[in-house]
Amino acid sequence: MSSRVVITASHLPKFAYGALSEDEKRTLVDYLMAARAHVLIDQWCLADHFLACVQHHPEIPKGLAAAIEATSLTT
């Protein structure tokens, strides 16, 4: 099996984790934690990768890093 990836200019708005509101940050983490159950995401550990990035972000809301750590599948 092979695949080809072509990067094109995106029409989607750009956003950054730090620019999200605290509620949006928590919602994103909730979605990522729930996504772990998807077979493709679980197989490649995509949700865990993004959760690790969020966990170490300097603008993470209080207590959210501990919540991520408590539910980590790698510990």
Protein backbone atom coordinates (compact mmCIF):
# COMPACT_ATOMS: atom_id res chain seq x y z
CA MET A 1 0.00 0.00 0.00
CA SER A 2 1.24 3.47 -0.77
CA SER A 3 -0.13 6.93 -0.35
CA ARG A 4 0.62 10.36 -1.65
CA VAL A 5 0.17 13.53 0.35
CA VAL A 6 -0.18 16.91 -1.27
CA ILE A 7 -0.09 20.01 0.90
CA THR A 8 -2.22 22.86 -0.35
CA ALA A 9 -3.23 26.21 1.06
CA SER A 10 -6.04 25.73 3.55
CA HIS A 11 -9.24 27.71 3.54
CA LEU A 12 -9.80 26.73 7.17
CA PRO A 13 -9.23 29.38 9.84
CA LYS A 14 -5.97 29.12 11.72
CA PHE A 15 -6.12 28.80 15.49
CA ALA A 16 -3.73 27.97 18.28
CA TYR A 17 -4.35 26.21 21.58
CA GLY A 18 -3.21 29.26 23.54
CA ALA A 19 -5.81 31.45 21.83
CA LEU A 20 -8.73 29.25 22.93
CA SER A 21 -10.87 30.12 25.95
CA GLU A 22 -10.49 27.95 29.06
CA ASP A 23 -13.79 26.21 28.28
CA GLU A 24 -12.66 25.51 24.71
CA LYS A 25 -9.36 24.09 25.98
CA ARG A 26 -11.21 21.75 28.35
CA THR A 27 -13.62 20.73 25.58
CA LEU A 28 -10.74 19.94 23.24
CA VAL A 29 -9.13 17.75 25.89
CA ASP A 30 -12.48 15.99 26.51
CA TYR A 31 -12.79 15.27 22.77
CA LEU A 32 -9.22 13.96 22.59
CA MET A 33 -9.76 11.69 25.58
CA ALA A 34 -12.97 10.33 24.04
CA ALA A 35 -11.23 9.86 20.68
CA ARG A 36 -8.83 7.36 22.22
CA ALA A 37 -11.54 4.72 21.82
CA HIS A 38 -11.54 4.99 18.01
CA VAL A 39 -9.65 2.07 16.50
CA LEU A 40 -7.57 4.14 14.04
CA ILE A 41 -6.73 6.87 16.50
CA ASP A 42 -5.87 4.33 19.19
CA GLN A 43 -3.67 2.31 16.80
CA TRP A 44 -1.48 5.30 15.96
CA CYS A 45 -1.77 7.01 19.38
CA LEU A 46 -2.82 10.29 17.75
CA ALA A 47 -4.99 11.44 20.67
CA ASP A 48 -2.22 10.63 23.15
CA HIS A 49 0.25 12.63 21.09
CA PHE A 50 -1.96 15.72 21.07
CA LEU A 51 -2.84 15.29 24.75
CA ALA A 52 0.88 15.20 25.59
CA CYS A 53 1.34 18.44 23.64
CA VAL A 54 -1.57 20.07 25.48
CA GLN A 55 -0.31 18.76 28.83
CA HIS A 56 2.98 20.61 28.38
CA HIS A 57 1.51 23.79 26.88
CA PRO A 58 2.33 26.87 29.00
CA GLU A 59 -1.28 28.12 28.83
CA ILE A 60 -3.02 24.95 30.05
CA PRO A 61 -5.81 25.64 32.58
CA LYS A 62 -5.17 24.68 36.20
CA GLY A 63 -5.88 21.05 36.93
CA LEU A 64 -6.15 20.02 33.28
CA ALA A 65 -2.60 18.64 33.11
CA ALA A 66 -3.32 16.49 36.18
CA ALA A 67 -6.58 15.26 34.58
CA ILE A 68 -4.71 14.25 31.45
CA GLU A 69 -2.04 12.50 33.52
CA ALA A 70 -4.70 10.65 35.52
CA THR A 71 -6.25 9.20 32.38
CA SER A 72 -3.02 8.55 30.50
CA LEU A 73 -2.95 5.19 28.76
CA THR A 74 0.83 5.09 28.71
CA THR A 75 1.36 5.03 32.48
